[in-house]
Amino acid sequence: MRITVIRSGGFAGITRRAELDTTDRPDARHVEALAHQALETDQGAAPRGVPDGFRYEITVDGSRTAHCADPHLSDAQRELVRTVLKEGA
């Protein structure tokens, strides 16, 4: 599974993009479960969030996308975003 996270907004307004492939990862099942949960909690359009907060676009396998914003991320979305931005290229 290929997971892409795009983070935008924040105080500086800098956009960051990272991608993670779960193939051959020892925690693949966990990360893939987080991705499925993140998609299930999608609210449709990107939520407003808070001033200077981050907005996120989570895309799985290039076909399904979820939108979320601080501070309204589910636990699964927050963990997935943190993992992909930390380990993704």
Protein backbone atom coordinates (compact mmCIF):
# COMPACT_ATOMS: atom_id res chain seq x y z
CA MET A 1 0.00 0.00 0.00
CA ARG A 2 1.29 3.46 -0.90
CA ILE A 3 0.22 6.27 1.44
CA THR A 4 0.76 9.94 0.64
CA VAL A 5 0.32 12.77 3.13
CA ILE A 6 0.28 16.43 2.17
CA ARG A 7 0.39 18.88 5.06
CA SER A 8 -0.39 22.53 4.37
CA GLY A 9 -1.10 25.65 6.35
CA GLY A 10 0.47 26.35 9.69
CA PHE A 11 2.04 29.62 10.76
CA ALA A 12 4.58 29.69 7.91
CA GLY A 13 2.19 28.33 5.28
CA ILE A 14 4.72 25.76 4.06
CA THR A 15 3.42 22.64 2.29
CA ARG A 16 5.11 19.34 3.04
CA ARG A 17 4.57 16.09 1.14
CA ALA A 18 5.72 12.59 2.08
CA GLU A 19 4.98 9.13 0.75
CA LEU A 20 5.32 5.77 2.44
CA ASP A 21 5.17 2.30 0.88
CA THR A 22 4.15 -0.39 3.35
CA THR A 23 5.72 -3.20 1.30
CA ASP A 24 8.28 -5.12 3.38
CA ARG A 25 7.62 -3.06 6.52
CA PRO A 26 7.41 -5.09 9.73
CA ASP A 27 4.50 -2.87 10.86
CA ALA A 28 2.68 -2.96 7.50
CA ARG A 29 -0.55 -4.40 8.90
CA HIS A 30 -0.73 -1.71 11.57
CA VAL A 31 0.02 1.17 9.18
CA GLU A 32 -2.49 -0.18 6.63
CA ALA A 33 -5.14 -0.47 9.34
CA LEU A 34 -4.49 3.17 10.29
CA ALA A 35 -4.90 4.15 6.63
CA HIS A 36 -8.25 2.36 6.37
CA GLN A 37 -9.45 3.99 9.60
CA ALA A 38 -8.26 7.42 8.40
CA LEU A 39 -10.28 7.05 5.20
CA GLU A 40 -13.38 5.94 7.13
CA THR A 41 -13.34 9.11 9.23
CA ASP A 42 -13.07 11.44 6.20
CA GLN A 43 -15.53 14.32 6.44
CA GLY A 44 -15.79 14.82 2.67
CA ALA A 45 -14.46 18.31 2.09
CA ALA A 46 -11.48 19.70 3.95
CA PRO A 47 -12.63 20.98 7.36
CA ARG A 48 -11.81 24.53 8.40
CA GLY A 49 -9.57 23.71 11.33
CA VAL A 50 -8.12 26.60 13.33
CA PRO A 51 -6.12 29.69 12.29
CA ASP A 52 -2.47 28.77 11.66
CA GLY A 53 -3.33 25.08 12.09
CA PHE A 54 -2.34 22.36 9.66
CA ARG A 55 -4.61 20.78 7.06
CA TYR A 56 -3.91 17.29 5.77
CA GLU A 57 -4.69 15.32 2.65
CA ILE A 58 -4.19 11.56 3.06
CA THR A 59 -4.23 9.53 -0.16
CA VAL A 60 -4.08 5.74 -0.27
CA ASP A 61 -2.92 3.95 -3.43
CA GLY A 62 -3.53 7.09 -5.47
CA SER A 63 -7.28 6.57 -5.50
CA ARG A 64 -8.91 7.31 -2.12
CA THR A 65 -8.34 10.56 -0.30
CA ALA A 66 -9.31 11.83 3.14
CA HIS A 67 -9.14 15.45 4.29
CA CYS A 68 -8.67 16.54 7.88
CA ALA A 69 -7.41 19.52 9.88
CA ASP A 70 -5.98 20.29 13.29
CA PRO A 71 -7.30 19.90 15.93
CA HIS A 72 -10.03 17.62 14.52
CA LEU A 73 -7.92 14.58 13.54
CA SER A 74 -8.99 11.14 14.68
CA ASP A 75 -6.40 9.14 16.62
CA ALA A 76 -5.77 6.99 13.52
CA GLN A 77 -5.32 10.03 11.29
CA ARG A 78 -2.92 11.65 13.75
CA GLU A 79 -0.77 8.51 14.11
CA LEU A 80 -0.75 7.89 10.36
CA VAL A 81 0.21 11.48 9.54
CA ARG A 82 2.99 11.39 12.13
CA THR A 83 4.34 8.07 10.77
CA VAL A 84 4.27 9.06 7.11
CA LEU A 85 5.76 12.51 7.63
CA LYS A 86 8.48 11.08 9.88
CA GLU A 87 9.47 8.07 7.74
CA GLY A 88 8.22 8.92 4.26
CA ALA A 89 10.38 10.31 1.50
